Amino acid sequence: MSIQNFSFRLPSVPKLICSLPVLFITLYFVPPLGVVLTIARLFIYGSYRYYRVPTAILVVALLCLAPRGYELLQQNFGESIPVFQPFIDFRAHPLYAKLTDYGRWTAVFSIIMLVASQILSKVANLASQALRMAQTANSASRTSSGSDSSARKAPIMQKDGTKADPSDQSTPHVVKCPNCGKANHIIGTVGTCKACRSAVEWQPKK
């Protein structure tokens, strides 16, 4: 691929503010702001990504809690747990306590957000389905009403190409059959002779 055909599209400002790196940083330094940005991301990115953010936060929280989990395993099982020297050295680091607290509360927060996001996704799907059904019903009713009105408004043409009077469509007329000469009562402009079954036609007087 040539350089001329390469194009890089920057994300919009709301998506950049609610990106995962920004979320993790704000959740660590300014937790209330991080919570607000996480909730805002659910609405900015749409229902098909509802589960991704809480899952990513939960994975990071479990990584932060890994040294603490290893420490609990050593306390309970002792020598049966293999020794991981990096975890042992990290327990003396000042950042150990901060990451443990960060992992603990973000794990709880991610689980709550995961449940809430699934509920929000269900509600959004139900709302979209109801909206589509309402639009389909409206379009169907408009189509049927339009066809009915056009059928009512369409004039009935006579054989000579002239429009029949609307009052003539419901008034009975006496027409003499040109074949057998019997008089027939027909409604409208065209009918059938009751005697010989020939076609008869009523034409208004000019």
C-alpha atoms as a PDB file:
ATOM      1  CA  MET A   1       0.000   0.000   0.000  1.00  0.00           C
ATOM      2  CA  SER A   2       1.453   3.351  -1.025  1.00  0.00           C
ATOM      3  CA  ILE A   3       1.783   6.312   1.314  1.00  0.00           C
ATOM      4  CA  GLN A   4      -0.562   8.372  -0.851  1.00  0.00           C
ATOM      5  CA  ASN A   5      -3.427   5.901  -0.304  1.00  0.00           C
ATOM      6  CA  PHE A   6      -2.874   5.732   3.468  1.00  0.00           C
ATOM      7  CA  SER A   7      -5.330   7.748   5.550  1.00  0.00           C
ATOM      8  CA  PHE A   8      -5.459   8.087   9.331  1.00  0.00           C
ATOM      9  CA  ARG A   9      -8.701   9.184  10.928  1.00  0.00           C
ATOM     10  CA  LEU A  10      -8.489  10.741  14.358  1.00  0.00           C
ATOM     11  CA  PRO A  11     -11.201   9.776  16.860  1.00  0.00           C
ATOM     12  CA  SER A  12     -13.737  12.364  17.927  1.00  0.00           C
ATOM     13  CA  VAL A  13     -13.189  14.312  21.143  1.00  0.00           C
ATOM     14  CA  PRO A  14     -15.816  12.404  23.223  1.00  0.00           C
ATOM     15  CA  LYS A  15     -14.412   9.046  22.116  1.00  0.00           C
ATOM     16  CA  LEU A  16     -10.856  10.201  22.836  1.00  0.00           C
ATOM     17  CA  ILE A  17     -11.813  11.373  26.334  1.00  0.00           C
ATOM     18  CA  CYS A  18     -13.601   8.061  27.027  1.00  0.00           C
ATOM     19  CA  SER A  19     -10.824   5.868  25.623  1.00  0.00           C
ATOM     20  CA  LEU A  20      -9.525   3.001  27.749  1.00  0.00           C
ATOM     21  CA  PRO A  21      -6.148   4.581  28.663  1.00  0.00           C
ATOM     22  CA  VAL A  22      -7.895   7.734  29.873  1.00  0.00           C
ATOM     23  CA  LEU A  23     -10.399   5.632  31.824  1.00  0.00           C
ATOM     24  CA  PHE A  24      -7.696   3.663  33.650  1.00  0.00           C
ATOM     25  CA  ILE A  25      -5.730   6.805  34.509  1.00  0.00           C
ATOM     26  CA  THR A  26      -8.769   8.673  35.821  1.00  0.00           C
ATOM     27  CA  LEU A  27      -9.969   5.625  37.744  1.00  0.00           C
ATOM     28  CA  TYR A  28      -6.610   5.562  39.514  1.00  0.00           C
ATOM     29  CA  PHE A  29      -6.061   9.276  40.195  1.00  0.00           C
ATOM     30  CA  VAL A  30      -9.629  10.683  40.146  1.00  0.00           C
ATOM     31  CA  PRO A  31     -12.035   7.752  40.750  1.00  0.00           C
ATOM     32  CA  PRO A  32     -15.304   9.777  40.596  1.00  0.00           C
ATOM     33  CA  LEU A  33     -14.342  11.214  37.196  1.00  0.00           C
ATOM     34  CA  GLY A  34     -13.350   7.759  35.991  1.00  0.00           C
ATOM     35  CA  VAL A  35     -16.757   6.375  36.976  1.00  0.00           C
ATOM     36  CA  VAL A  36     -18.515   9.185  35.081  1.00  0.00           C
ATOM     37  CA  LEU A  37     -16.396   8.632  31.964  1.00  0.00           C
ATOM     38  CA  THR A  38     -17.024   4.877  32.098  1.00  0.00           C
ATOM     39  CA  ILE A  39     -20.778   5.384  32.201  1.00  0.00           C
ATOM     40  CA  ALA A  40     -20.547   7.976  29.401  1.00  0.00           C
ATOM     41  CA  ARG A  41     -18.596   5.520  27.241  1.00  0.00           C
ATOM     42  CA  LEU A  42     -21.494   3.054  27.349  1.00  0.00           C
ATOM     43  CA  PHE A  43     -23.704   5.608  25.575  1.00  0.00           C
ATOM     44  CA  ILE A  44     -21.036   7.005  23.224  1.00  0.00           C
ATOM     45  CA  TYR A  45     -19.864   3.705  21.744  1.00  0.00           C
ATOM     46  CA  GLY A  46     -23.252   1.975  21.472  1.00  0.00           C
ATOM     47  CA  SER A  47     -24.840  -1.258  22.649  1.00  0.00           C
ATOM     48  CA  TYR A  48     -22.523  -3.600  20.710  1.00  0.00           C
ATOM     49  CA  ARG A  49     -19.625  -2.556  23.012  1.00  0.00           C
ATOM     50  CA  TYR A  50     -21.449  -2.502  26.333  1.00  0.00           C
ATOM     51  CA  TYR A  51     -19.607  -5.522  27.718  1.00  0.00           C
ATOM     52  CA  ARG A  52     -16.076  -4.621  26.591  1.00  0.00           C
ATOM     53  CA  VAL A  53     -15.256  -1.802  29.000  1.00  0.00           C
ATOM     54  CA  PRO A  54     -16.296  -3.607  32.230  1.00  0.00           C
ATOM     55  CA  THR A  55     -14.464  -6.719  31.032  1.00  0.00           C
ATOM     56  CA  ALA A  56     -11.278  -4.743  30.336  1.00  0.00           C
ATOM     57  CA  ILE A  57     -11.473  -3.064  33.751  1.00  0.00           C
ATOM     58  CA  LEU A  58     -11.990  -6.438  35.416  1.00  0.00           C
ATOM     59  CA  VAL A  59      -8.915  -7.885  33.673  1.00  0.00           C
ATOM     60  CA  VAL A  60      -6.742  -4.964  34.815  1.00  0.00           C
ATOM     61  CA  ALA A  61      -8.142  -5.271  38.343  1.00  0.00           C
ATOM     62  CA  LEU A  62      -7.265  -8.966  38.471  1.00  0.00           C
ATOM     63  CA  LEU A  63      -3.725  -8.193  37.290  1.00  0.00           C
ATOM     64  CA  CYS A  64      -3.366  -5.613  40.067  1.00  0.00           C
ATOM     65  CA  LEU A  65      -4.660  -8.152  42.593  1.00  0.00           C
ATOM     66  CA  ALA A  66      -2.363 -10.948  41.409  1.00  0.00           C
ATOM     67  CA  PRO A  67       0.423 -10.206  43.972  1.00  0.00           C
ATOM     68  CA  ARG A  68      -2.160 -10.034  46.757  1.00  0.00           C
ATOM     69  CA  GLY A  69      -3.698 -13.326  45.602  1.00  0.00           C
ATOM     70  CA  TYR A  70      -0.282 -14.961  45.575  1.00  0.00           C
ATOM     71  CA  GLU A  71       0.330 -13.704  49.103  1.00  0.00           C
ATOM     72  CA  LEU A  72      -2.959 -15.192  50.318  1.00  0.00           C
ATOM     73  CA  LEU A  73      -2.128 -18.528  48.697  1.00  0.00           C
ATOM     74  CA  GLN A  74       1.246 -18.624  50.437  1.00  0.00           C
ATOM     75  CA  GLN A  75      -0.314 -17.819  53.773  1.00  0.00           C
ATOM     76  CA  ASN A  76      -2.892 -20.623  53.423  1.00  0.00           C
ATOM     77  CA  PHE A  77      -0.896 -23.347  51.659  1.00  0.00           C
ATOM     78  CA  GLY A  78       2.689 -22.494  52.613  1.00  0.00           C
ATOM     79  CA  GLU A  79       5.416 -24.460  50.898  1.00  0.00           C
ATOM     80  CA  SER A  80       3.063 -26.213  48.451  1.00  0.00           C
ATOM     81  CA  ILE A  81       2.865 -22.961  46.451  1.00  0.00           C
ATOM     82  CA  PRO A  82       5.872 -22.355  44.167  1.00  0.00           C
ATOM     83  CA  VAL A  83       7.980 -19.294  44.930  1.00  0.00           C
ATOM     84  CA  PHE A  84       7.700 -16.366  42.502  1.00  0.00           C
ATOM     85  CA  GLN A  85      10.463 -13.994  43.503  1.00  0.00           C
ATOM     86  CA  PRO A  86       9.070 -10.954  41.602  1.00  0.00           C
ATOM     87  CA  PHE A  87       5.830 -11.146  43.592  1.00  0.00           C
ATOM     88  CA  ILE A  88       7.757 -11.480  46.866  1.00  0.00           C
ATOM     89  CA  ASP A  89       9.956  -8.469  46.058  1.00  0.00           C
ATOM     90  CA  PHE A  90       6.981  -6.387  44.916  1.00  0.00           C
ATOM     91  CA  ARG A  91       5.217  -6.796  48.270  1.00  0.00           C
ATOM     92  CA  ALA A  92       7.809  -4.509  49.865  1.00  0.00           C
ATOM     93  CA  HIS A  93       7.311  -1.805  47.232  1.00  0.00           C
ATOM     94  CA  PRO A  94       5.281   1.323  48.234  1.00  0.00           C
ATOM     95  CA  LEU A  95       3.132   0.901  45.111  1.00  0.00           C
ATOM     96  CA  TYR A  96       1.943  -2.531  46.265  1.00  0.00           C
ATOM     97  CA  ALA A  97      -0.680  -1.218  48.681  1.00  0.00           C
ATOM     98  CA  LYS A  98      -1.976   1.374  46.185  1.00  0.00           C
ATOM     99  CA  LEU A  99      -2.341  -1.163  43.377  1.00  0.00           C
ATOM    100  CA  THR A 100      -4.035  -3.603  45.719  1.00  0.00           C
ATOM    101  CA  ASP A 101      -6.611  -1.014  46.735  1.00  0.00           C
ATOM    102  CA  TYR A 102      -7.019   0.060  43.114  1.00  0.00           C
ATOM    103  CA  GLY A 103      -7.558  -3.522  41.951  1.00  0.00           C
ATOM    104  CA  ARG A 104     -10.002  -4.256  44.759  1.00  0.00           C
ATOM    105  CA  TRP A 105     -12.394  -1.393  44.144  1.00  0.00           C
ATOM    106  CA  THR A 106     -12.126  -1.496  40.343  1.00  0.00           C
ATOM    107  CA  ALA A 107     -12.989  -5.213  40.407  1.00  0.00           C
ATOM    108  CA  VAL A 108     -16.181  -4.461  42.336  1.00  0.00           C
ATOM    109  CA  PHE A 109     -16.927  -1.532  40.055  1.00  0.00           C
ATOM    110  CA  SER A 110     -16.385  -3.577  36.876  1.00  0.00           C
ATOM    111  CA  ILE A 111     -18.748  -6.324  38.051  1.00  0.00           C
ATOM    112  CA  ILE A 112     -21.457  -3.754  38.822  1.00  0.00           C
ATOM    113  CA  MET A 113     -20.905  -2.084  35.454  1.00  0.00           C
ATOM    114  CA  LEU A 114     -21.002  -5.438  33.664  1.00  0.00           C
ATOM    115  CA  VAL A 115     -24.428  -6.231  35.115  1.00  0.00           C
ATOM    116  CA  ALA A 116     -25.710  -2.711  34.485  1.00  0.00           C
ATOM    117  CA  SER A 117     -24.408  -2.708  30.903  1.00  0.00           C
ATOM    118  CA  GLN A 118     -26.182  -5.981  30.116  1.00  0.00           C
ATOM    119  CA  ILE A 119     -29.447  -4.580  31.470  1.00  0.00           C
ATOM    120  CA  LEU A 120     -28.915  -1.404  29.449  1.00  0.00           C
ATOM    121  CA  SER A 121     -28.225  -3.459  26.329  1.00  0.00           C
ATOM    122  CA  LYS A 122     -31.468  -5.419  26.790  1.00  0.00           C
ATOM    123  CA  VAL A 123     -33.461  -2.211  27.261  1.00  0.00           C
ATOM    124  CA  ALA A 124     -31.866  -0.638  24.172  1.00  0.00           C
ATOM    125  CA  ASN A 125     -32.648  -3.714  22.063  1.00  0.00           C
ATOM    126  CA  LEU A 126     -36.267  -3.794  23.226  1.00  0.00           C
ATOM    127  CA  ALA A 127     -36.649  -0.066  22.538  1.00  0.00           C
ATOM    128  CA  SER A 128     -35.183  -0.398  19.035  1.00  0.00           C
ATOM    129  CA  GLN A 129     -37.461  -3.369  18.261  1.00  0.00           C
ATOM    130  CA  ALA A 130     -40.524  -1.444  19.459  1.00  0.00           C
ATOM    131  CA  LEU A 131     -39.490   1.551  17.351  1.00  0.00           C
ATOM    132  CA  ARG A 132     -39.035  -0.606  14.243  1.00  0.00           C
ATOM    133  CA  MET A 133     -42.432  -2.263  14.783  1.00  0.00           C
ATOM    134  CA  ALA A 134     -44.096   1.145  15.174  1.00  0.00           C
ATOM    135  CA  GLN A 135     -42.450   2.434  12.002  1.00  0.00           C
ATOM    136  CA  THR A 136     -43.503  -0.692  10.104  1.00  0.00           C
ATOM    137  CA  ALA A 137     -47.097  -0.353  11.324  1.00  0.00           C
ATOM    138  CA  ASN A 138     -47.185   3.344  10.379  1.00  0.00           C
ATOM    139  CA  SER A 139     -45.813   2.693   6.903  1.00  0.00           C
ATOM    140  CA  ALA A 140     -48.286  -0.162   6.374  1.00  0.00           C
ATOM    141  CA  SER A 141     -51.241   1.992   7.486  1.00  0.00           C
ATOM    142  CA  ARG A 142     -50.115   4.842   5.242  1.00  0.00           C
ATOM    143  CA  THR A 143     -49.798   2.486   2.289  1.00  0.00           C
ATOM    144  CA  SER A 144     -53.251   0.970   2.837  1.00  0.00           C
ATOM    145  CA  SER A 145     -54.895   4.360   3.388  1.00  0.00           C
ATOM    146  CA  GLY A 146     -53.198   5.732   0.291  1.00  0.00           C
ATOM    147  CA  SER A 147     -54.387   2.823  -1.834  1.00  0.00           C
ATOM    148  CA  ASP A 148     -57.943   3.143  -0.475  1.00  0.00           C
ATOM    149  CA  SER A 149     -58.056   6.881  -1.115  1.00  0.00           C
ATOM    150  CA  SER A 150     -56.655   6.464  -4.612  1.00  0.00           C
ATOM    151  CA  ALA A 151     -59.219   3.751  -5.300  1.00  0.00           C
ATOM    152  CA  ARG A 152     -62.001   6.033  -4.071  1.00  0.00           C
ATOM    153  CA  LYS A 153     -60.720   8.998  -6.068  1.00  0.00           C
ATOM    154  CA  ALA A 154     -60.092   7.065  -9.299  1.00  0.00           C
ATOM    155  CA  PRO A 155     -62.898   7.917 -11.757  1.00  0.00           C
ATOM    156  CA  ILE A 156     -64.678   5.150 -13.674  1.00  0.00           C
ATOM    157  CA  MET A 157     -64.212   5.536 -17.391  1.00  0.00           C
ATOM    158  CA  GLN A 158     -66.837   4.651 -19.966  1.00  0.00           C
ATOM    159  CA  LYS A 159     -66.094   2.848 -23.194  1.00  0.00           C
ATOM    160  CA  ASP A 160     -66.016   6.088 -25.152  1.00  0.00           C
ATOM    161  CA  GLY A 161     -63.294   7.434 -22.828  1.00  0.00           C
ATOM    162  CA  THR A 162     -65.471   9.954 -20.993  1.00  0.00           C
ATOM    163  CA  LYS A 163     -65.718  10.062 -17.185  1.00  0.00           C
ATOM    164  CA  ALA A 164     -68.937   8.812 -15.668  1.00  0.00           C
ATOM    165  CA  ASP A 165     -70.784  10.981 -13.205  1.00  0.00           C
ATOM    166  CA  PRO A 166     -70.060   9.773  -9.622  1.00  0.00           C
ATOM    167  CA  SER A 167     -73.795   9.802  -8.890  1.00  0.00           C
ATOM    168  CA  ASP A 168     -74.324   7.280 -11.687  1.00  0.00           C
ATOM    169  CA  GLN A 169     -72.244   4.624  -9.914  1.00  0.00           C
ATOM    170  CA  SER A 170     -74.852   3.867  -7.229  1.00  0.00           C
ATOM    171  CA  THR A 171     -78.121   4.723  -9.007  1.00  0.00           C
ATOM    172  CA  PRO A 172     -80.042   1.876 -10.716  1.00  0.00           C
ATOM    173  CA  HIS A 173     -80.781   2.399 -14.402  1.00  0.00           C
ATOM    174  CA  VAL A 174     -83.168   0.698 -16.822  1.00  0.00           C
ATOM    175  CA  VAL A 175     -81.276  -0.556 -19.864  1.00  0.00           C
ATOM    176  CA  LYS A 176     -82.756  -2.350 -22.862  1.00  0.00           C
ATOM    177  CA  CYS A 177     -80.732  -5.341 -24.016  1.00  0.00           C
ATOM    178  CA  PRO A 178     -79.593  -4.834 -27.644  1.00  0.00           C
ATOM    179  CA  ASN A 179     -79.674  -8.604 -28.221  1.00  0.00           C
ATOM    180  CA  CYS A 180     -83.034  -9.793 -26.873  1.00  0.00           C
ATOM    181  CA  GLY A 181     -84.740  -6.470 -26.143  1.00  0.00           C
ATOM    182  CA  LYS A 182     -85.466  -7.255 -22.463  1.00  0.00           C
ATOM    183  CA  ALA A 183     -85.332  -4.361 -20.003  1.00  0.00           C
ATOM    184  CA  ASN A 184     -82.750  -4.784 -17.228  1.00  0.00           C
ATOM    185  CA  HIS A 185     -82.098  -2.832 -14.045  1.00  0.00           C
ATOM    186  CA  ILE A 186     -78.361  -2.297 -13.551  1.00  0.00           C
ATOM    187  CA  ILE A 187     -76.354  -0.327 -11.029  1.00  0.00           C
ATOM    188  CA  GLY A 188     -73.533   1.626 -12.593  1.00  0.00           C
ATOM    189  CA  THR A 189     -72.830   1.864 -16.264  1.00  0.00           C
ATOM    190  CA  VAL A 190     -72.157  -1.771 -17.257  1.00  0.00           C
ATOM    191  CA  GLY A 191     -74.186  -4.916 -16.512  1.00  0.00           C
ATOM    192  CA  THR A 192     -75.417  -8.260 -17.825  1.00  0.00           C
ATOM    193  CA  CYS A 193     -78.782  -9.106 -19.311  1.00  0.00           C
ATOM    194  CA  LYS A 194     -80.677 -11.489 -17.060  1.00  0.00           C
ATOM    195  CA  ALA A 195     -82.346 -13.193 -20.000  1.00  0.00           C
ATOM    196  CA  CYS A 196     -79.602 -13.823 -22.547  1.00  0.00           C
ATOM    197  CA  ARG A 197     -76.549 -12.971 -20.449  1.00  0.00           C
ATOM    198  CA  SER A 198     -75.373 -10.413 -22.965  1.00  0.00           C
ATOM    199  CA  ALA A 199     -73.422  -7.359 -21.901  1.00  0.00           C
ATOM    200  CA  VAL A 200     -75.540  -4.237 -21.533  1.00  0.00           C
ATOM    201  CA  GLU A 201     -74.352  -0.686 -20.996  1.00  0.00           C
ATOM    202  CA  TRP A 202     -76.016   2.449 -19.751  1.00  0.00           C
ATOM    203  CA  GLN A 203     -74.853   5.723 -21.206  1.00  0.00           C
ATOM    204  CA  PRO A 204     -75.992   9.089 -19.888  1.00  0.00           C
ATOM    205  CA  LYS A 205     -77.855  11.351 -22.182  1.00  0.00           C
ATOM    206  CA  LYS A 206     -75.668  13.989 -23.812  1.00  0.00           C
END
